[in-house]
Amino acid sequence: MKSTGPVHELIAKTPDWRGATLARLREIVRDADPAMGEDVKWRRPGNPNGCAVWERGGIVCAGIILKERVRLSFFAGSSLPDPAKLFNAQLKGKSRAIDFSQDGEIDRRALTALIRSAVAHNLAKAGPAGARARSSARTRRPGRTVRMARRTTTRRER
């Protein structure tokens, strides 16, 4: 398991319990699907460190370090089965999240199942490679892709 890169740097910049919790979550996410890519995204003045993002066939989940908790957010969470009732934040809309507090326990088995279902959801949504490109090419009418600029004339040219 690789312990370098932008997510490792994000964890190192947060030396308290939140960094340790994000490190445990990272380990669970990577064990759930080793083919998943990771990066740090959405750096801004209010959160210069950004948040950890894991992707496979699209964004699977994001690990966000907040002041009092660490949040694992699933962007397609409303479409995922949650038999263990892990989701406890962002319960409206399409996304769902799990907030981890300092004294909170992590249900590794249930979280692993949730991550795997999120990956399966993304891969099913993406379908076979190139299917979207082929279907959109079929629906285009020939001659409609390139538009000619109309020439405007002035009164003197008329």
N, C-alpha and C. Protein backbone atom coordinates (compact mmCIF):
# COMPACT_ATOMS: atom_id res chain seq x y z
N MET A 1 0.85 -1.18 0.00
CA MET A 1 0.00 0.00 0.00
C MET A 1 0.89 1.24 0.00
N LYS A 2 0.64 2.10 -0.96
CA LYS A 2 1.44 3.31 -1.13
C LYS A 2 1.07 4.34 -0.07
N SER A 3 2.05 4.89 0.62
CA SER A 3 1.78 5.89 1.66
C SER A 3 2.39 7.23 1.30
N THR A 4 2.36 7.56 0.02
CA THR A 4 2.81 8.87 -0.43
C THR A 4 1.74 9.46 -1.31
N GLY A 5 1.90 10.70 -1.67
CA GLY A 5 0.94 11.34 -2.55
C GLY A 5 0.14 12.41 -1.83
N PRO A 6 -0.78 13.04 -2.54
CA PRO A 6 -1.51 14.17 -1.97
C PRO A 6 -2.41 13.80 -0.79
N VAL A 7 -3.00 12.61 -0.79
CA VAL A 7 -3.86 12.23 0.34
C VAL A 7 -3.01 11.99 1.58
N HIS A 8 -1.85 11.40 1.40
CA HIS A 8 -0.93 11.20 2.53
C HIS A 8 -0.50 12.55 3.10
N GLU A 9 -0.24 13.51 2.22
CA GLU A 9 0.14 14.86 2.68
C GLU A 9 -1.00 15.53 3.44
N LEU A 10 -2.23 15.33 2.97
CA LEU A 10 -3.40 15.88 3.67
C LEU A 10 -3.52 15.29 5.08
N ILE A 11 -3.30 13.99 5.20
CA ILE A 11 -3.35 13.34 6.51
C ILE A 11 -2.23 13.85 7.40
N ALA A 12 -1.03 14.03 6.82
CA ALA A 12 0.11 14.52 7.60
C ALA A 12 -0.09 15.95 8.09
N LYS A 13 -0.85 16.76 7.33
CA LYS A 13 -1.10 18.14 7.74
C LYS A 13 -2.13 18.23 8.86
N THR A 14 -2.78 17.12 9.18
CA THR A 14 -3.78 17.08 10.24
C THR A 14 -3.33 16.05 11.27
N PRO A 15 -2.45 16.44 12.21
CA PRO A 15 -1.85 15.46 13.10
C PRO A 15 -2.73 15.01 14.27
N ASP A 16 -3.93 15.56 14.42
CA ASP A 16 -4.77 15.17 15.55
C ASP A 16 -5.62 13.93 15.19
N TRP A 17 -6.65 13.66 15.97
CA TRP A 17 -7.49 12.48 15.78
C TRP A 17 -8.18 12.47 14.42
N ARG A 18 -8.42 13.65 13.84
CA ARG A 18 -9.08 13.71 12.55
C ARG A 18 -8.20 13.13 11.44
N GLY A 19 -6.90 13.42 11.50
CA GLY A 19 -5.97 12.84 10.54
C GLY A 19 -5.88 11.33 10.68
N ALA A 20 -5.88 10.85 11.93
CA ALA A 20 -5.84 9.41 12.16
C ALA A 20 -7.11 8.73 11.67
N THR A 21 -8.25 9.39 11.86
CA THR A 21 -9.52 8.84 11.38
C THR A 21 -9.54 8.80 9.86
N LEU A 22 -9.08 9.86 9.21
CA LEU A 22 -9.03 9.86 7.75
C LEU A 22 -8.07 8.79 7.24
N ALA A 23 -6.97 8.54 7.95
CA ALA A 23 -6.04 7.49 7.56
C ALA A 23 -6.70 6.11 7.64
N ARG A 24 -7.51 5.88 8.69
CA ARG A 24 -8.24 4.61 8.81
C ARG A 24 -9.27 4.47 7.69
N LEU A 25 -9.98 5.57 7.40
CA LEU A 25 -10.97 5.53 6.32
C LEU A 25 -10.29 5.27 4.98
N ARG A 26 -9.13 5.88 4.77
CA ARG A 26 -8.38 5.67 3.53
C ARG A 26 -8.00 4.20 3.38
N GLU A 27 -7.57 3.59 4.47
CA GLU A 27 -7.20 2.18 4.44
C GLU A 27 -8.41 1.31 4.08
N ILE A 28 -9.57 1.61 4.66
CA ILE A 28 -10.78 0.85 4.38
C ILE A 28 -11.20 1.01 2.92
N VAL A 29 -11.15 2.25 2.42
CA VAL A 29 -11.53 2.51 1.03
C VAL A 29 -10.60 1.78 0.08
N ARG A 30 -9.32 1.83 0.33
CA ARG A 30 -8.35 1.20 -0.56
C ARG A 30 -8.42 -0.32 -0.49
N ASP A 31 -8.74 -0.87 0.69
CA ASP A 31 -8.91 -2.32 0.81
C ASP A 31 -10.19 -2.79 0.12
N ALA A 32 -11.22 -1.94 0.11
CA ALA A 32 -12.49 -2.30 -0.52
C ALA A 32 -12.33 -2.44 -2.04
N ASP A 33 -11.50 -1.59 -2.63
CA ASP A 33 -11.26 -1.66 -4.07
C ASP A 33 -9.87 -1.10 -4.36
N PRO A 34 -8.88 -1.99 -4.48
CA PRO A 34 -7.51 -1.52 -4.72
C PRO A 34 -7.31 -0.79 -6.05
N ALA A 35 -8.23 -0.96 -7.00
CA ALA A 35 -8.10 -0.29 -8.30
C ALA A 35 -8.58 1.15 -8.27
N MET A 36 -9.08 1.59 -7.13
CA MET A 36 -9.62 2.95 -7.02
C MET A 36 -8.49 3.97 -6.99
N GLY A 37 -8.68 5.08 -7.72
CA GLY A 37 -7.70 6.17 -7.71
C GLY A 37 -8.03 7.16 -6.61
N GLU A 38 -7.03 7.88 -6.16
CA GLU A 38 -7.25 8.88 -5.11
C GLU A 38 -6.52 10.16 -5.43
N ASP A 39 -7.09 11.26 -4.95
CA ASP A 39 -6.51 12.57 -5.18
C ASP A 39 -7.06 13.53 -4.13
N VAL A 40 -6.49 14.72 -4.07
CA VAL A 40 -7.03 15.78 -3.22
C VAL A 40 -7.60 16.83 -4.14
N LYS A 41 -8.86 17.21 -3.88
CA LYS A 41 -9.54 18.18 -4.73
C LYS A 41 -10.18 19.27 -3.88
N TRP A 42 -10.67 20.27 -4.57
CA TRP A 42 -11.48 21.34 -4.01
C TRP A 42 -10.75 22.14 -2.93
N ARG A 43 -9.51 22.53 -3.23
CA ARG A 43 -8.80 23.44 -2.34
C ARG A 43 -9.36 24.84 -2.56
N ARG A 44 -9.61 25.56 -1.47
CA ARG A 44 -10.14 26.91 -1.56
C ARG A 44 -9.69 27.68 -0.32
N PRO A 45 -9.87 28.98 -0.28
CA PRO A 45 -9.40 29.75 0.88
C PRO A 45 -9.97 29.26 2.22
N GLY A 46 -11.22 28.86 2.24
CA GLY A 46 -11.83 28.37 3.47
C GLY A 46 -11.31 27.00 3.89
N ASN A 47 -10.80 26.23 2.93
CA ASN A 47 -10.26 24.89 3.20
C ASN A 47 -9.05 24.69 2.29
N PRO A 48 -7.90 25.28 2.64
CA PRO A 48 -6.74 25.24 1.75
C PRO A 48 -6.17 23.84 1.54
N ASN A 49 -6.46 22.90 2.46
CA ASN A 49 -5.95 21.54 2.29
C ASN A 49 -6.79 20.72 1.33
N GLY A 50 -8.04 21.12 1.12
CA GLY A 50 -8.92 20.37 0.24
C GLY A 50 -9.48 19.14 0.92
N CYS A 51 -9.96 18.19 0.12
CA CYS A 51 -10.46 16.94 0.69
C CYS A 51 -10.01 15.78 -0.18
N ALA A 52 -9.92 14.61 0.45
CA ALA A 52 -9.51 13.40 -0.24
C ALA A 52 -10.67 12.89 -1.09
N VAL A 53 -10.38 12.50 -2.32
CA VAL A 53 -11.42 12.00 -3.22
C VAL A 53 -10.95 10.67 -3.80
N TRP A 54 -11.86 9.68 -3.75
CA TRP A 54 -11.58 8.37 -4.32
C TRP A 54 -12.50 8.16 -5.51
N GLU A 55 -11.90 7.71 -6.64
CA GLU A 55 -12.65 7.61 -7.89
C GLU A 55 -12.44 6.27 -8.56
N ARG A 56 -13.52 5.78 -9.15
CA ARG A 56 -13.47 4.65 -10.07
C ARG A 56 -14.76 4.67 -10.87
N GLY A 57 -14.67 5.01 -12.12
CA GLY A 57 -15.86 5.18 -12.94
C GLY A 57 -16.62 6.44 -12.56
N GLY A 58 -15.96 7.37 -11.92
CA GLY A 58 -16.56 8.58 -11.37
C GLY A 58 -16.19 8.67 -9.89
N ILE A 59 -16.60 9.73 -9.26
CA ILE A 59 -16.27 9.91 -7.84
C ILE A 59 -17.10 8.94 -7.01
N VAL A 60 -16.42 8.15 -6.19
CA VAL A 60 -17.08 7.19 -5.31
C VAL A 60 -17.40 7.86 -3.99
N CYS A 61 -16.37 8.45 -3.37
CA CYS A 61 -16.59 9.12 -2.09
C CYS A 61 -15.48 10.14 -1.85
N ALA A 62 -15.74 11.01 -0.87
CA ALA A 62 -14.77 12.05 -0.52
C ALA A 62 -14.62 12.08 0.99
N GLY A 63 -13.39 12.16 1.46
CA GLY A 63 -13.10 12.28 2.88
C GLY A 63 -12.82 13.74 3.20
N ILE A 64 -13.67 14.32 4.05
CA ILE A 64 -13.59 15.75 4.34
C ILE A 64 -13.28 15.94 5.81
N ILE A 65 -12.23 16.70 6.11
CA ILE A 65 -11.87 17.00 7.49
C ILE A 65 -12.58 18.29 7.89
N LEU A 66 -13.47 18.18 8.86
CA LEU A 66 -14.20 19.33 9.39
C LEU A 66 -13.68 19.66 10.78
N LYS A 67 -14.20 20.71 11.39
CA LYS A 67 -13.68 21.14 12.70
C LYS A 67 -13.89 20.10 13.80
N GLU A 68 -15.08 19.53 13.86
CA GLU A 68 -15.42 18.62 14.96
C GLU A 68 -15.57 17.17 14.54
N ARG A 69 -15.40 16.88 13.24
CA ARG A 69 -15.66 15.52 12.76
C ARG A 69 -14.95 15.31 11.43
N VAL A 70 -14.96 14.06 10.99
CA VAL A 70 -14.48 13.69 9.67
C VAL A 70 -15.67 13.12 8.93
N ARG A 71 -15.89 13.60 7.72
CA ARG A 71 -17.07 13.20 6.94
C ARG A 71 -16.62 12.40 5.73
N LEU A 72 -17.29 11.26 5.52
CA LEU A 72 -17.10 10.48 4.31
C LEU A 72 -18.39 10.64 3.51
N SER A 73 -18.29 11.34 2.38
CA SER A 73 -19.46 11.71 1.60
C SER A 73 -19.52 10.87 0.33
N PHE A 74 -20.70 10.29 0.07
CA PHE A 74 -20.96 9.49 -1.12
C PHE A 74 -21.87 10.30 -2.03
N PHE A 75 -21.40 10.62 -3.24
CA PHE A 75 -22.14 11.50 -4.13
C PHE A 75 -23.39 10.86 -4.71
N ALA A 76 -23.42 9.53 -4.80
CA ALA A 76 -24.61 8.83 -5.28
C ALA A 76 -25.23 8.05 -4.12
N GLY A 77 -25.13 8.58 -2.92
CA GLY A 77 -25.54 7.86 -1.72
C GLY A 77 -27.01 7.48 -1.68
N SER A 78 -27.89 8.30 -2.26
CA SER A 78 -29.31 7.97 -2.23
C SER A 78 -29.63 6.74 -3.08
N SER A 79 -28.74 6.37 -3.98
CA SER A 79 -28.94 5.20 -4.84
C SER A 79 -28.32 3.94 -4.26
N LEU A 80 -27.68 4.04 -3.10
CA LEU A 80 -26.97 2.91 -2.54
C LEU A 80 -27.76 2.25 -1.41
N PRO A 81 -27.68 0.93 -1.32
CA PRO A 81 -28.31 0.26 -0.18
C PRO A 81 -27.51 0.52 1.10
N ASP A 82 -28.20 0.75 2.19
CA ASP A 82 -27.53 1.02 3.47
C ASP A 82 -28.21 0.21 4.58
N PRO A 83 -28.06 -1.12 4.55
CA PRO A 83 -28.75 -1.94 5.55
C PRO A 83 -28.25 -1.71 6.97
N ALA A 84 -27.01 -1.28 7.13
CA ALA A 84 -26.46 -1.05 8.47
C ALA A 84 -26.78 0.35 8.99
N LYS A 85 -27.48 1.16 8.18
CA LYS A 85 -27.86 2.53 8.56
C LYS A 85 -26.65 3.37 8.95
N LEU A 86 -25.63 3.34 8.09
CA LEU A 86 -24.42 4.13 8.35
C LEU A 86 -24.62 5.60 8.06
N PHE A 87 -25.42 5.94 7.05
CA PHE A 87 -25.59 7.34 6.68
C PHE A 87 -26.25 8.12 7.81
N ASN A 88 -25.58 9.19 8.24
CA ASN A 88 -26.12 10.01 9.33
C ASN A 88 -26.02 11.51 9.05
N ALA A 89 -25.66 11.88 7.83
CA ALA A 89 -25.54 13.30 7.46
C ALA A 89 -25.90 13.46 6.00
N GLN A 90 -26.22 14.67 5.61
CA GLN A 90 -26.60 15.00 4.23
C GLN A 90 -27.69 14.06 3.74
N LEU A 91 -28.76 13.93 4.50
CA LEU A 91 -29.79 12.94 4.19
C LEU A 91 -30.81 13.42 3.17
N LYS A 92 -30.73 14.67 2.75
CA LYS A 92 -31.62 15.17 1.70
C LYS A 92 -30.84 15.28 0.41
N GLY A 93 -31.52 15.10 -0.70
CA GLY A 93 -30.86 15.21 -1.99
C GLY A 93 -30.25 13.90 -2.42
N LYS A 94 -29.34 13.98 -3.37
CA LYS A 94 -28.74 12.80 -3.99
C LYS A 94 -27.59 12.21 -3.17
N SER A 95 -26.82 13.05 -2.53
CA SER A 95 -25.66 12.57 -1.78
C SER A 95 -26.05 12.18 -0.36
N ARG A 96 -25.21 11.33 0.23
CA ARG A 96 -25.35 10.92 1.62
C ARG A 96 -23.95 10.93 2.23
N ALA A 97 -23.88 11.07 3.55
CA ALA A 97 -22.58 11.13 4.20
C ALA A 97 -22.62 10.41 5.54
N ILE A 98 -21.43 10.07 6.00
CA ILE A 98 -21.25 9.47 7.32
C ILE A 98 -20.30 10.38 8.08
N ASP A 99 -20.74 10.89 9.21
CA ASP A 99 -19.89 11.72 10.07
C ASP A 99 -19.27 10.84 11.15
N PHE A 100 -17.96 10.97 11.31
CA PHE A 100 -17.22 10.23 12.33
C PHE A 100 -16.73 11.23 13.37
N SER A 101 -17.07 10.99 14.63
CA SER A 101 -16.62 11.87 15.70
C SER A 101 -15.37 11.26 16.35
N GLN A 102 -14.82 11.98 17.30
CA GLN A 102 -13.58 11.55 17.93
C GLN A 102 -13.73 10.20 18.63
N ASP A 103 -14.85 9.97 19.28
CA ASP A 103 -15.03 8.73 20.03
C ASP A 103 -15.81 7.68 19.25
N GLY A 104 -16.15 7.97 18.01
CA GLY A 104 -16.98 7.07 17.23
C GLY A 104 -16.23 5.85 16.74
N GLU A 105 -16.98 4.76 16.59
CA GLU A 105 -16.44 3.52 16.07
C GLU A 105 -16.69 3.46 14.56
N ILE A 106 -15.84 2.73 13.86
CA ILE A 106 -16.00 2.54 12.42
C ILE A 106 -16.38 1.08 12.19
N ASP A 107 -17.55 0.87 11.61
CA ASP A 107 -18.01 -0.48 11.26
C ASP A 107 -17.36 -0.84 9.92
N ARG A 108 -16.21 -1.49 10.01
CA ARG A 108 -15.40 -1.76 8.82
C ARG A 108 -16.13 -2.63 7.80
N ARG A 109 -16.81 -3.65 8.25
CA ARG A 109 -17.48 -4.57 7.34
C ARG A 109 -18.61 -3.85 6.57
N ALA A 110 -19.44 -3.11 7.30
CA ALA A 110 -20.56 -2.41 6.66
C ALA A 110 -20.05 -1.30 5.73
N LEU A 111 -19.00 -0.60 6.15
CA LEU A 111 -18.44 0.47 5.31
C LEU A 111 -17.81 -0.09 4.04
N THR A 112 -17.14 -1.22 4.15
CA THR A 112 -16.56 -1.87 2.98
C THR A 112 -17.65 -2.27 1.99
N ALA A 113 -18.75 -2.83 2.49
CA ALA A 113 -19.86 -3.20 1.62
C ALA A 113 -20.47 -1.98 0.94
N LEU A 114 -20.57 -0.88 1.67
CA LEU A 114 -21.12 0.36 1.11
C LEU A 114 -20.22 0.92 0.01
N ILE A 115 -18.93 0.90 0.24
CA ILE A 115 -17.96 1.40 -0.76
C ILE A 115 -18.01 0.53 -2.01
N ARG A 116 -18.07 -0.79 -1.82
CA ARG A 116 -18.14 -1.68 -2.99
C ARG A 116 -19.43 -1.47 -3.78
N SER A 117 -20.52 -1.20 -3.09
CA SER A 117 -21.77 -0.95 -3.82
C SER A 117 -21.70 0.39 -4.56
N ALA A 118 -20.99 1.37 -4.00
CA ALA A 118 -20.82 2.65 -4.69
C ALA A 118 -19.97 2.48 -5.95
N VAL A 119 -18.93 1.66 -5.87
CA VAL A 119 -18.10 1.39 -7.05
C VAL A 119 -18.93 0.67 -8.11
N ALA A 120 -19.70 -0.34 -7.68
CA ALA A 120 -20.54 -1.08 -8.63
C ALA A 120 -21.57 -0.15 -9.28
N HIS A 121 -22.12 0.77 -8.50
CA HIS A 121 -23.09 1.74 -9.04
C HIS A 121 -22.43 2.61 -10.11
N ASN A 122 -21.22 3.10 -9.83
CA ASN A 122 -20.52 3.93 -10.81
C ASN A 122 -20.19 3.16 -12.08
N LEU A 123 -19.72 1.92 -11.93
CA LEU A 123 -19.34 1.14 -13.10
C LEU A 123 -20.56 0.75 -13.93
N ALA A 124 -21.69 0.47 -13.27
CA ALA A 124 -22.92 0.15 -14.00
C ALA A 124 -23.45 1.37 -14.73
N LYS A 125 -23.30 2.54 -14.10
CA LYS A 125 -23.76 3.78 -14.70
C LYS A 125 -22.92 4.13 -15.93
N ALA A 126 -21.62 3.88 -15.85
CA ALA A 126 -20.71 4.21 -16.95
C ALA A 126 -20.94 3.27 -18.13
N GLY A 127 -21.26 2.00 -17.87
CA GLY A 127 -21.49 1.04 -18.95
C GLY A 127 -20.20 0.72 -19.67
N PRO A 128 -20.31 0.05 -20.81
CA PRO A 128 -19.10 -0.29 -21.56
C PRO A 128 -18.42 0.97 -22.09
N ALA A 129 -17.12 0.90 -22.20
CA ALA A 129 -16.34 2.06 -22.65
C ALA A 129 -16.74 2.45 -24.06
N GLY A 130 -17.01 3.73 -24.21
CA GLY A 130 -17.32 4.26 -25.53
C GLY A 130 -18.79 4.15 -25.92
N ALA A 131 -19.63 3.53 -25.08
CA ALA A 131 -21.04 3.36 -25.45
C ALA A 131 -21.73 4.71 -25.59
N ARG A 132 -21.43 5.62 -24.71
CA ARG A 132 -22.05 6.94 -24.78
C ARG A 132 -21.61 7.69 -26.03
N ALA A 133 -20.34 7.60 -26.36
CA ALA A 133 -19.83 8.32 -27.53
C ALA A 133 -20.48 7.79 -28.80
N ARG A 134 -20.64 6.48 -28.90
CA ARG A 134 -21.26 5.90 -30.10
C ARG A 134 -22.73 6.29 -30.19
N SER A 135 -23.44 6.25 -29.07
CA SER A 135 -24.87 6.55 -29.14
C SER A 135 -25.11 8.03 -29.46
N SER A 136 -24.27 8.92 -28.96
CA SER A 136 -24.46 10.34 -29.26
C SER A 136 -24.09 10.65 -30.71
N ALA A 137 -23.17 9.91 -31.28
CA ALA A 137 -22.79 10.13 -32.68
C ALA A 137 -23.94 9.71 -33.60
N ARG A 138 -24.70 8.69 -33.21
CA ARG A 138 -25.81 8.23 -34.02
C ARG A 138 -26.96 9.23 -34.04
N THR A 139 -27.14 9.96 -32.98
CA THR A 139 -28.29 10.86 -32.90
C THR A 139 -28.05 12.19 -33.60
N ARG A 140 -26.81 12.51 -33.90
CA ARG A 140 -26.51 13.76 -34.59
C ARG A 140 -26.94 13.69 -36.04
N ARG A 141 -27.46 14.78 -36.54
CA ARG A 141 -27.79 14.84 -37.96
C ARG A 141 -26.59 15.37 -38.72
N PRO A 142 -26.32 14.84 -39.89
CA PRO A 142 -25.17 15.32 -40.65
C PRO A 142 -25.37 16.78 -41.05
N GLY A 143 -24.28 17.50 -41.06
CA GLY A 143 -24.34 18.89 -41.47
C GLY A 143 -24.72 19.85 -40.35
N ARG A 144 -25.02 19.36 -39.19
CA ARG A 144 -25.43 20.23 -38.09
C ARG A 144 -24.30 20.52 -37.12
N THR A 145 -23.18 19.85 -37.28
CA THR A 145 -22.10 20.04 -36.32
C THR A 145 -21.30 21.30 -36.57
N VAL A 146 -21.17 21.71 -37.80
CA VAL A 146 -20.40 22.91 -38.13
C VAL A 146 -21.38 23.99 -38.55
N ARG A 147 -21.32 25.09 -37.89
CA ARG A 147 -22.21 26.20 -38.23
C ARG A 147 -21.40 27.29 -38.91
N MET A 148 -21.96 27.80 -39.96
CA MET A 148 -21.30 28.86 -40.69
C MET A 148 -21.69 30.20 -40.06
N ALA A 149 -20.71 31.05 -39.93
CA ALA A 149 -20.98 32.39 -39.39
C ALA A 149 -21.66 33.21 -40.49
N ARG A 150 -22.73 33.87 -40.11
CA ARG A 150 -23.43 34.71 -41.09
C ARG A 150 -22.65 36.00 -41.27
N ARG A 151 -22.58 36.42 -42.48
CA ARG A 151 -21.87 37.66 -42.76
C ARG A 151 -22.85 38.81 -42.58
N THR A 152 -22.43 39.74 -41.80
CA THR A 152 -23.28 40.93 -41.63
C THR A 152 -22.80 42.01 -42.58
N THR A 153 -23.72 42.69 -43.15
CA THR A 153 -23.36 43.75 -44.09
C THR A 153 -23.77 45.10 -43.53
N THR A 154 -23.06 46.10 -43.92
CA THR A 154 -23.41 47.46 -43.52
C THR A 154 -24.21 48.10 -44.64
N ARG A 155 -24.74 49.25 -44.40
CA ARG A 155 -25.55 49.95 -45.41
C ARG A 155 -24.73 50.28 -46.67
N ARG A 156 -23.48 50.60 -46.48
CA ARG A 156 -22.65 50.99 -47.62
C ARG A 156 -22.42 49.82 -48.57
N GLU A 157 -22.34 48.62 -48.04
CA GLU A 157 -22.10 47.45 -48.89
C GLU A 157 -23.31 47.05 -49.68
N ARG A 158 -24.48 47.45 -49.28
CA ARG A 158 -25.70 47.03 -49.97
C ARG A 158 -25.84 47.70 -51.25
